[in-house]
């Protein structure tokens, strides 16, 4: 009986040792996350293609304002190549950013208002760790239309062809 308990204990310990644990005591630093996102926006403003695109995970997604704009980071890079050849690809100034962190600290999501050439926009995204660095796994840009402007907006888009992806 003593040997059976020892075998059972050994099996349990082997199973537990194979489980991955997440260190929840090391929560992400909000200042670090704000700085990362600000640097990413700044990279586009000064056409720093390398900094802008290395901020994405390997399988990162970018959703733009047009219904057809659902890209991998690589597709976005190809689409925006000519913009990054200029002194500024685009300049979005973020403000009113909200950052949320999962309980185990492994996922961050955020939303932010942006001043852009298109007028007010909203960006939202998800960050996750890749190679021990926070990276953008998903970013969604949308034009922020005030509620009172929706009737005029609907008239404008009523005559537009719909290109459903």
N, C-alpha and C. Protein backbone atom coordinates (compact mmCIF):
# COMPACT_ATOMS: atom_id res chain seq x y z
N UNK A 1 0.82 -1.20 0.00
CA UNK A 1 0.00 0.00 0.00
C UNK A 1 0.86 1.26 0.00
N UNK A 2 1.96 1.23 0.76
CA UNK A 2 2.87 2.37 0.82
C UNK A 2 3.46 2.66 -0.55
N UNK A 3 3.80 1.61 -1.31
CA UNK A 3 4.35 1.79 -2.67
C UNK A 3 3.31 2.37 -3.61
N UNK A 4 2.06 1.97 -3.45
CA UNK A 4 0.99 2.49 -4.30
C UNK A 4 0.81 4.00 -4.08
N UNK A 5 0.87 4.44 -2.82
CA UNK A 5 0.78 5.87 -2.51
C UNK A 5 1.96 6.63 -3.12
N UNK A 6 3.14 6.05 -3.04
CA UNK A 6 4.32 6.68 -3.60
C UNK A 6 4.22 6.81 -5.12
N UNK A 7 3.73 5.76 -5.77
CA UNK A 7 3.55 5.80 -7.24
C UNK A 7 2.51 6.86 -7.60
N UNK A 8 1.38 6.87 -6.89
CA UNK A 8 0.34 7.84 -7.16
C UNK A 8 0.87 9.26 -6.97
N UNK A 9 1.59 9.50 -5.87
CA UNK A 9 2.17 10.81 -5.60
C UNK A 9 3.14 11.21 -6.71
N UNK A 10 3.95 10.28 -7.19
CA UNK A 10 4.92 10.56 -8.26
C UNK A 10 4.21 10.93 -9.55
N UNK A 11 3.11 10.24 -9.86
CA UNK A 11 2.35 10.54 -11.08
C UNK A 11 1.76 11.95 -10.99
N UNK A 12 1.16 12.28 -9.85
CA UNK A 12 0.56 13.61 -9.67
C UNK A 12 1.62 14.70 -9.80
N UNK A 13 2.75 14.51 -9.16
CA UNK A 13 3.82 15.51 -9.22
C UNK A 13 4.35 15.69 -10.65
N UNK A 14 4.44 14.60 -11.39
CA UNK A 14 4.89 14.67 -12.79
C UNK A 14 3.88 15.47 -13.62
N UNK A 15 2.59 15.23 -13.39
CA UNK A 15 1.56 15.95 -14.14
C UNK A 15 1.59 17.44 -13.80
N UNK A 16 1.72 17.76 -12.53
CA UNK A 16 1.74 19.16 -12.12
C UNK A 16 2.96 19.89 -12.66
N UNK A 17 4.09 19.23 -12.67
CA UNK A 17 5.31 19.89 -13.14
C UNK A 17 5.25 20.23 -14.62
N UNK A 18 4.39 19.55 -15.38
CA UNK A 18 4.26 19.83 -16.81
C UNK A 18 3.31 20.98 -17.11
N UNK A 19 2.60 21.48 -16.10
CA UNK A 19 1.65 22.57 -16.30
C UNK A 19 2.40 23.89 -16.38
N UNK A 20 1.94 24.74 -17.27
CA UNK A 20 2.55 26.06 -17.42
C UNK A 20 1.89 27.02 -16.43
N UNK A 21 2.70 27.73 -15.70
CA UNK A 21 2.15 28.72 -14.77
C UNK A 21 2.43 30.12 -15.31
N UNK A 22 1.54 31.02 -14.99
CA UNK A 22 1.70 32.41 -15.40
C UNK A 22 1.95 33.23 -14.14
N UNK A 23 2.95 34.06 -14.18
CA UNK A 23 3.30 34.89 -13.04
C UNK A 23 2.35 36.08 -12.99
N UNK A 24 1.36 36.01 -12.11
CA UNK A 24 0.39 37.10 -12.04
C UNK A 24 0.85 38.23 -11.14
N UNK A 25 2.00 38.06 -10.50
CA UNK A 25 2.51 39.14 -9.66
C UNK A 25 3.17 40.24 -10.49
N UNK A 26 3.53 39.96 -11.72
CA UNK A 26 4.23 40.91 -12.59
C UNK A 26 3.23 41.49 -13.60
N UNK A 27 2.33 42.35 -13.13
CA UNK A 27 1.35 42.97 -14.02
C UNK A 27 2.04 43.97 -14.94
N UNK A 28 1.52 44.12 -16.16
CA UNK A 28 2.10 45.11 -17.08
C UNK A 28 1.99 46.52 -16.50
N UNK A 29 2.94 47.34 -16.86
CA UNK A 29 2.99 48.72 -16.41
C UNK A 29 2.18 49.59 -17.37
N UNK A 30 1.20 50.32 -16.86
CA UNK A 30 0.36 51.17 -17.71
C UNK A 30 1.20 52.20 -18.47
N UNK A 31 2.19 52.78 -17.83
CA UNK A 31 3.05 53.76 -18.51
C UNK A 31 3.78 53.11 -19.68
N UNK A 32 4.23 51.88 -19.49
CA UNK A 32 4.92 51.15 -20.55
C UNK A 32 3.98 50.92 -21.74
N UNK A 33 2.74 50.58 -21.46
CA UNK A 33 1.76 50.32 -22.53
C UNK A 33 1.43 51.62 -23.26
N UNK A 34 1.19 52.69 -22.52
CA UNK A 34 0.93 53.99 -23.17
C UNK A 34 2.11 54.39 -24.06
N UNK A 35 3.32 54.23 -23.55
CA UNK A 35 4.52 54.60 -24.31
C UNK A 35 4.64 53.76 -25.57
N UNK A 36 4.36 52.47 -25.47
CA UNK A 36 4.42 51.57 -26.63
C UNK A 36 3.44 52.02 -27.71
N UNK A 37 2.20 52.29 -27.32
CA UNK A 37 1.18 52.71 -28.29
C UNK A 37 1.50 54.09 -28.87
N UNK A 38 1.96 55.01 -28.03
CA UNK A 38 2.35 56.33 -28.53
C UNK A 38 3.50 56.22 -29.52
N UNK A 39 4.47 55.37 -29.23
CA UNK A 39 5.61 55.16 -30.13
C UNK A 39 5.14 54.58 -31.46
N UNK A 40 4.17 53.67 -31.41
CA UNK A 40 3.64 53.06 -32.64
C UNK A 40 2.97 54.13 -33.51
N UNK A 41 2.13 54.97 -32.90
CA UNK A 41 1.50 56.05 -33.67
C UNK A 41 2.55 57.03 -34.21
N UNK A 42 3.54 57.34 -33.39
CA UNK A 42 4.60 58.26 -33.81
C UNK A 42 5.39 57.68 -34.99
N UNK A 43 5.59 56.37 -34.99
CA UNK A 43 6.32 55.72 -36.09
C UNK A 43 5.62 55.97 -37.42
N UNK A 44 4.29 55.92 -37.44
CA UNK A 44 3.56 56.22 -38.68
C UNK A 44 3.72 57.69 -39.04
N UNK A 45 3.68 58.55 -38.04
CA UNK A 45 3.78 60.00 -38.28
C UNK A 45 5.12 60.39 -38.90
N UNK A 46 6.18 59.65 -38.59
CA UNK A 46 7.51 59.97 -39.16
C UNK A 46 7.94 58.93 -40.20
N UNK A 47 6.98 58.12 -40.63
CA UNK A 47 7.23 57.10 -41.67
C UNK A 47 8.35 56.13 -41.28
N UNK A 48 8.37 55.73 -40.02
CA UNK A 48 9.33 54.74 -39.53
C UNK A 48 8.69 53.36 -39.69
N UNK A 49 8.85 52.82 -40.88
CA UNK A 49 8.21 51.57 -41.25
C UNK A 49 8.62 50.41 -40.33
N UNK A 50 9.89 50.33 -40.01
CA UNK A 50 10.37 49.21 -39.19
C UNK A 50 9.71 49.20 -37.81
N UNK A 51 9.72 50.34 -37.14
CA UNK A 51 9.11 50.41 -35.80
C UNK A 51 7.62 50.15 -35.88
N UNK A 52 6.96 50.71 -36.89
CA UNK A 52 5.52 50.54 -37.02
C UNK A 52 5.16 49.07 -37.19
N UNK A 53 5.82 48.38 -38.09
CA UNK A 53 5.41 47.00 -38.40
C UNK A 53 5.98 45.95 -37.45
N UNK A 54 7.10 46.23 -36.81
CA UNK A 54 7.58 45.26 -35.81
C UNK A 54 6.77 45.34 -34.53
N UNK A 55 5.87 46.31 -34.42
CA UNK A 55 4.98 46.39 -33.27
C UNK A 55 3.86 45.34 -33.33
N UNK A 56 3.67 44.71 -34.49
CA UNK A 56 2.64 43.69 -34.65
C UNK A 56 3.17 42.30 -34.30
N UNK A 57 2.27 41.45 -33.84
CA UNK A 57 2.62 40.04 -33.69
C UNK A 57 2.80 39.45 -35.09
N UNK A 58 3.37 38.27 -35.15
CA UNK A 58 3.59 37.62 -36.46
C UNK A 58 2.28 37.42 -37.22
N UNK A 59 1.20 37.21 -36.48
CA UNK A 59 -0.10 37.00 -37.11
C UNK A 59 -1.05 38.19 -36.87
N UNK A 60 -0.48 39.38 -36.66
CA UNK A 60 -1.25 40.57 -36.35
C UNK A 60 -2.25 40.95 -37.43
N UNK A 61 -3.36 41.54 -37.01
CA UNK A 61 -4.44 41.96 -37.91
C UNK A 61 -4.68 43.46 -37.74
N UNK A 62 -4.93 44.14 -38.86
CA UNK A 62 -5.28 45.56 -38.86
C UNK A 62 -6.57 45.71 -39.65
N UNK A 63 -7.58 46.31 -39.03
CA UNK A 63 -8.84 46.57 -39.71
C UNK A 63 -8.97 48.08 -39.88
N UNK A 64 -9.08 48.51 -41.13
CA UNK A 64 -9.19 49.93 -41.43
C UNK A 64 -10.62 50.40 -41.49
N UNK A 65 -10.82 51.62 -41.96
CA UNK A 65 -12.14 52.23 -41.97
C UNK A 65 -13.01 51.76 -43.13
N UNK A 66 -12.42 51.30 -44.20
CA UNK A 66 -13.17 50.82 -45.36
C UNK A 66 -13.58 49.36 -45.13
N UNK A 67 -14.78 48.96 -45.56
CA UNK A 67 -15.20 47.57 -45.35
C UNK A 67 -14.25 46.52 -45.95
N UNK A 68 -13.47 46.92 -46.93
CA UNK A 68 -12.54 45.96 -47.56
C UNK A 68 -11.21 45.86 -46.82
N UNK A 69 -10.98 46.71 -45.84
CA UNK A 69 -9.67 46.79 -45.17
C UNK A 69 -9.59 45.87 -43.95
N UNK A 70 -9.36 44.62 -44.22
CA UNK A 70 -9.12 43.61 -43.18
C UNK A 70 -7.83 42.92 -43.57
N UNK A 71 -6.73 43.35 -42.96
CA UNK A 71 -5.41 42.93 -43.42
C UNK A 71 -4.60 42.23 -42.34
N UNK A 72 -3.72 41.35 -42.78
CA UNK A 72 -2.64 40.92 -41.91
C UNK A 72 -1.65 42.08 -41.88
N UNK A 73 -0.73 42.05 -40.94
CA UNK A 73 0.27 43.12 -40.88
C UNK A 73 1.08 43.17 -42.17
N UNK A 74 1.36 42.01 -42.75
CA UNK A 74 2.11 41.97 -44.01
C UNK A 74 1.31 42.61 -45.15
N UNK A 75 0.01 42.32 -45.21
CA UNK A 75 -0.83 42.93 -46.25
C UNK A 75 -0.92 44.45 -46.06
N UNK A 76 -1.02 44.89 -44.81
CA UNK A 76 -1.03 46.34 -44.54
C UNK A 76 0.28 46.96 -44.98
N UNK A 77 1.37 46.28 -44.72
CA UNK A 77 2.69 46.79 -45.11
C UNK A 77 2.78 46.96 -46.62
N UNK A 78 2.28 45.98 -47.35
CA UNK A 78 2.30 46.06 -48.82
C UNK A 78 1.39 47.19 -49.31
N UNK A 79 0.19 47.31 -48.72
CA UNK A 79 -0.75 48.33 -49.12
C UNK A 79 -0.21 49.73 -48.84
N UNK A 80 0.48 49.90 -47.72
CA UNK A 80 0.91 51.24 -47.29
C UNK A 80 2.35 51.57 -47.68
N UNK A 81 2.95 50.76 -48.50
CA UNK A 81 4.37 50.95 -48.85
C UNK A 81 4.65 52.37 -49.35
N UNK A 82 3.83 52.88 -50.24
CA UNK A 82 4.09 54.22 -50.79
C UNK A 82 3.93 55.31 -49.72
N UNK A 83 3.04 55.11 -48.75
CA UNK A 83 2.87 56.09 -47.67
C UNK A 83 4.13 56.17 -46.81
N UNK A 84 4.77 55.02 -46.57
CA UNK A 84 5.97 55.00 -45.73
C UNK A 84 7.22 55.48 -46.48
N UNK A 85 7.09 55.74 -47.78
CA UNK A 85 8.20 56.32 -48.54
C UNK A 85 8.22 57.84 -48.42
N UNK A 86 7.17 58.41 -47.84
CA UNK A 86 7.08 59.87 -47.64
C UNK A 86 7.67 60.22 -46.27
N UNK A 87 7.65 61.49 -45.94
CA UNK A 87 8.17 61.90 -44.62
C UNK A 87 7.19 61.55 -43.50
N UNK A 88 5.93 61.35 -43.84
CA UNK A 88 4.93 60.92 -42.87
C UNK A 88 3.95 59.99 -43.58
N UNK A 89 3.73 58.82 -43.02
CA UNK A 89 2.75 57.90 -43.62
C UNK A 89 1.35 58.43 -43.32
N UNK A 90 1.06 58.66 -42.05
CA UNK A 90 -0.16 59.30 -41.58
C UNK A 90 0.08 59.71 -40.13
N UNK A 91 -0.65 60.70 -39.70
CA UNK A 91 -0.45 61.21 -38.34
C UNK A 91 -1.77 61.13 -37.57
N UNK A 92 -1.84 60.21 -36.64
CA UNK A 92 -3.00 60.06 -35.75
C UNK A 92 -2.53 60.44 -34.34
N UNK A 93 -3.22 61.39 -33.74
CA UNK A 93 -2.87 61.82 -32.39
C UNK A 93 -3.86 61.21 -31.40
N UNK A 94 -3.38 60.29 -30.56
CA UNK A 94 -4.28 59.62 -29.62
C UNK A 94 -4.58 60.45 -28.38
N UNK A 95 -5.77 60.27 -27.84
CA UNK A 95 -6.15 60.86 -26.55
C UNK A 95 -7.28 60.02 -25.97
N UNK A 96 -7.60 60.26 -24.74
CA UNK A 96 -8.67 59.52 -24.05
C UNK A 96 -8.53 58.01 -24.22
N UNK A 97 -7.35 57.51 -23.94
CA UNK A 97 -7.08 56.07 -24.07
C UNK A 97 -7.49 55.36 -22.78
N UNK A 98 -8.08 54.19 -22.96
CA UNK A 98 -8.44 53.32 -21.84
C UNK A 98 -7.73 51.99 -22.04
N UNK A 99 -7.08 51.52 -21.00
CA UNK A 99 -6.32 50.27 -21.07
C UNK A 99 -6.89 49.29 -20.04
N UNK A 100 -7.07 48.06 -20.48
CA UNK A 100 -7.60 47.00 -19.62
C UNK A 100 -6.64 45.82 -19.66
N UNK A 101 -6.47 45.17 -18.53
CA UNK A 101 -5.52 44.06 -18.43
C UNK A 101 -6.25 42.84 -17.90
N UNK A 102 -6.04 41.69 -18.55
CA UNK A 102 -6.66 40.46 -18.07
C UNK A 102 -6.16 40.14 -16.67
N UNK A 103 -6.93 39.35 -15.96
CA UNK A 103 -6.61 39.06 -14.56
C UNK A 103 -5.22 38.43 -14.41
N UNK A 104 -4.84 37.60 -15.38
CA UNK A 104 -3.51 36.96 -15.27
C UNK A 104 -2.41 37.81 -15.90
N UNK A 105 -2.76 38.98 -16.45
CA UNK A 105 -1.76 39.89 -16.99
C UNK A 105 -1.20 39.50 -18.35
N UNK A 106 -1.82 38.52 -19.01
CA UNK A 106 -1.26 38.03 -20.27
C UNK A 106 -1.83 38.72 -21.51
N UNK A 107 -2.97 39.38 -21.37
CA UNK A 107 -3.64 40.04 -22.50
C UNK A 107 -4.01 41.46 -22.08
N UNK A 108 -3.81 42.39 -22.99
CA UNK A 108 -4.21 43.78 -22.78
C UNK A 108 -5.13 44.18 -23.92
N UNK A 109 -6.18 44.89 -23.62
CA UNK A 109 -7.00 45.47 -24.67
C UNK A 109 -7.20 46.95 -24.34
N UNK A 110 -7.44 47.71 -25.39
CA UNK A 110 -7.50 49.17 -25.20
C UNK A 110 -8.42 49.78 -26.24
N UNK A 111 -8.84 51.00 -25.95
CA UNK A 111 -9.52 51.83 -26.95
C UNK A 111 -9.00 53.24 -26.76
N UNK A 112 -9.05 54.00 -27.83
CA UNK A 112 -8.52 55.37 -27.81
C UNK A 112 -9.23 56.20 -28.85
N UNK A 113 -9.37 57.47 -28.58
CA UNK A 113 -9.84 58.41 -29.58
C UNK A 113 -8.62 58.96 -30.29
N UNK A 114 -8.81 59.28 -31.58
CA UNK A 114 -7.70 59.75 -32.41
C UNK A 114 -8.11 60.99 -33.19
N UNK A 115 -7.26 61.98 -33.21
CA UNK A 115 -7.42 63.11 -34.12
C UNK A 115 -6.68 62.74 -35.39
N UNK A 116 -7.39 62.74 -36.52
CA UNK A 116 -6.80 62.31 -37.79
C UNK A 116 -7.22 63.25 -38.91
N UNK A 117 -6.63 63.05 -40.08
CA UNK A 117 -7.02 63.82 -41.27
C UNK A 117 -8.46 63.50 -41.68
N UNK A 118 -9.00 62.36 -41.21
CA UNK A 118 -10.38 61.95 -41.53
C UNK A 118 -11.37 62.55 -40.54
N UNK A 119 -10.86 63.28 -39.55
CA UNK A 119 -11.70 63.75 -38.46
C UNK A 119 -11.52 62.80 -37.27
N UNK A 120 -12.45 62.86 -36.33
CA UNK A 120 -12.29 62.01 -35.16
C UNK A 120 -12.45 60.52 -35.51
N UNK A 121 -11.55 59.73 -34.98
CA UNK A 121 -11.60 58.28 -35.17
C UNK A 121 -11.45 57.61 -33.81
N UNK A 122 -11.73 56.32 -33.81
CA UNK A 122 -11.51 55.51 -32.62
C UNK A 122 -10.68 54.31 -33.04
N UNK A 123 -9.69 54.01 -32.23
CA UNK A 123 -8.90 52.81 -32.43
C UNK A 123 -9.11 51.90 -31.23
N UNK A 124 -9.14 50.62 -31.49
CA UNK A 124 -9.20 49.66 -30.39
C UNK A 124 -8.31 48.50 -30.77
N UNK A 125 -7.75 47.86 -29.77
CA UNK A 125 -6.83 46.79 -30.09
C UNK A 125 -6.57 45.84 -28.94
N UNK A 126 -5.83 44.80 -29.28
CA UNK A 126 -5.43 43.77 -28.33
C UNK A 126 -3.93 43.61 -28.42
N UNK A 127 -3.29 43.59 -27.26
CA UNK A 127 -1.85 43.36 -27.18
C UNK A 127 -1.60 42.03 -26.49
N UNK A 128 -0.56 41.35 -26.93
CA UNK A 128 -0.13 40.15 -26.22
C UNK A 128 1.39 40.06 -26.29
N UNK A 129 1.95 39.26 -25.43
CA UNK A 129 3.40 39.11 -25.39
C UNK A 129 3.86 38.18 -26.51
N UNK A 130 4.90 38.60 -27.20
CA UNK A 130 5.56 37.77 -28.21
C UNK A 130 7.04 38.10 -28.10
N UNK A 131 7.86 37.09 -27.93
CA UNK A 131 9.30 37.29 -27.73
C UNK A 131 9.57 38.24 -26.56
N UNK A 132 8.81 38.07 -25.49
CA UNK A 132 8.95 38.87 -24.26
C UNK A 132 8.73 40.37 -24.47
N UNK A 133 7.95 40.72 -25.49
CA UNK A 133 7.60 42.12 -25.74
C UNK A 133 6.11 42.21 -26.02
N UNK A 134 5.52 43.32 -25.63
CA UNK A 134 4.12 43.54 -25.99
C UNK A 134 4.05 43.85 -27.48
N UNK A 135 3.10 43.21 -28.15
CA UNK A 135 2.90 43.40 -29.59
C UNK A 135 1.41 43.55 -29.86
N UNK A 136 1.09 44.18 -30.97
CA UNK A 136 -0.30 44.37 -31.37
C UNK A 136 -0.76 43.11 -32.10
N UNK A 137 -1.74 42.43 -31.53
CA UNK A 137 -2.31 41.24 -32.17
C UNK A 137 -3.48 41.63 -33.07
N UNK A 138 -4.15 42.72 -32.71
CA UNK A 138 -5.36 43.12 -33.45
C UNK A 138 -5.57 44.61 -33.23
N UNK A 139 -5.79 45.35 -34.31
CA UNK A 139 -6.09 46.78 -34.21
C UNK A 139 -7.25 47.09 -35.14
N UNK A 140 -8.21 47.87 -34.66
CA UNK A 140 -9.38 48.23 -35.45
C UNK A 140 -9.54 49.75 -35.41
N UNK A 141 -9.50 50.35 -36.58
CA UNK A 141 -9.67 51.80 -36.73
C UNK A 141 -11.07 52.06 -37.28
N UNK A 142 -11.78 52.99 -36.66
CA UNK A 142 -13.11 53.35 -37.17
C UNK A 142 -13.28 54.86 -37.10
N UNK A 143 -14.06 55.38 -38.02
CA UNK A 143 -14.38 56.80 -38.02
C UNK A 143 -15.47 57.01 -36.97
N UNK A 144 -15.28 57.97 -36.10
CA UNK A 144 -16.26 58.24 -35.04
C UNK A 144 -17.26 59.28 -35.54
N UNK A 145 -18.45 58.82 -35.86
CA UNK A 145 -19.49 59.70 -36.39
C UNK A 145 -20.41 60.09 -35.23
N UNK A 146 -20.55 61.38 -34.95
CA UNK A 146 -21.47 61.80 -33.88
C UNK A 146 -22.90 61.36 -34.20
N UNK A 147 -23.65 60.99 -33.19
CA UNK A 147 -25.01 60.49 -33.39
C UNK A 147 -25.87 61.45 -34.20
N UNK A 148 -25.73 62.76 -33.94
CA UNK A 148 -26.57 63.73 -34.66
C UNK A 148 -26.19 63.84 -36.15
N UNK A 149 -25.03 63.33 -36.53
CA UNK A 149 -24.60 63.36 -37.93
C UNK A 149 -24.95 62.07 -38.68
N UNK A 150 -25.53 61.10 -38.00
CA UNK A 150 -25.84 59.82 -38.64
C UNK A 150 -26.80 59.98 -39.82
N UNK A 151 -27.89 60.77 -39.74
CA UNK A 151 -28.77 60.91 -40.90
C UNK A 151 -28.02 61.41 -42.15
N UNK A 152 -27.17 62.41 -41.99
CA UNK A 152 -26.39 62.91 -43.13
C UNK A 152 -25.41 61.85 -43.62
N UNK A 153 -24.80 61.15 -42.69
CA UNK A 153 -23.87 60.06 -43.04
C UNK A 153 -24.60 58.98 -43.85
N UNK A 154 -25.79 58.61 -43.42
CA UNK A 154 -26.54 57.58 -44.14
C UNK A 154 -26.90 58.01 -45.56
N UNK A 155 -27.20 59.31 -45.74
CA UNK A 155 -27.48 59.82 -47.09
C UNK A 155 -26.23 59.71 -47.97
N UNK A 156 -25.08 60.04 -47.40
CA UNK A 156 -23.83 59.98 -48.17
C UNK A 156 -23.53 58.56 -48.61
N UNK A 157 -23.66 57.61 -47.71
CA UNK A 157 -23.28 56.24 -48.07
C UNK A 157 -24.37 55.49 -48.83
N UNK A 158 -25.59 56.03 -48.86
CA UNK A 158 -26.68 55.36 -49.57
C UNK A 158 -26.36 55.20 -51.06
N UNK A 159 -25.66 56.16 -51.62
CA UNK A 159 -25.34 56.13 -53.05
C UNK A 159 -24.03 55.41 -53.35
N UNK A 160 -23.35 54.96 -52.31
CA UNK A 160 -22.06 54.28 -52.51
C UNK A 160 -22.28 52.80 -52.81
N UNK A 161 -21.48 52.26 -53.72
CA UNK A 161 -21.59 50.81 -53.95
C UNK A 161 -21.10 50.07 -52.70
N UNK A 162 -21.73 48.96 -52.41
CA UNK A 162 -21.29 48.17 -51.26
C UNK A 162 -20.37 47.06 -51.73
N UNK A 163 -19.16 47.09 -51.24
CA UNK A 163 -18.17 46.06 -51.56
C UNK A 163 -18.03 45.16 -50.35
N UNK A 164 -18.88 44.20 -50.26
CA UNK A 164 -18.76 43.28 -49.13
C UNK A 164 -17.61 42.33 -49.38
N UNK A 165 -16.73 42.23 -48.38
CA UNK A 165 -15.58 41.33 -48.55
C UNK A 165 -16.00 39.88 -48.61
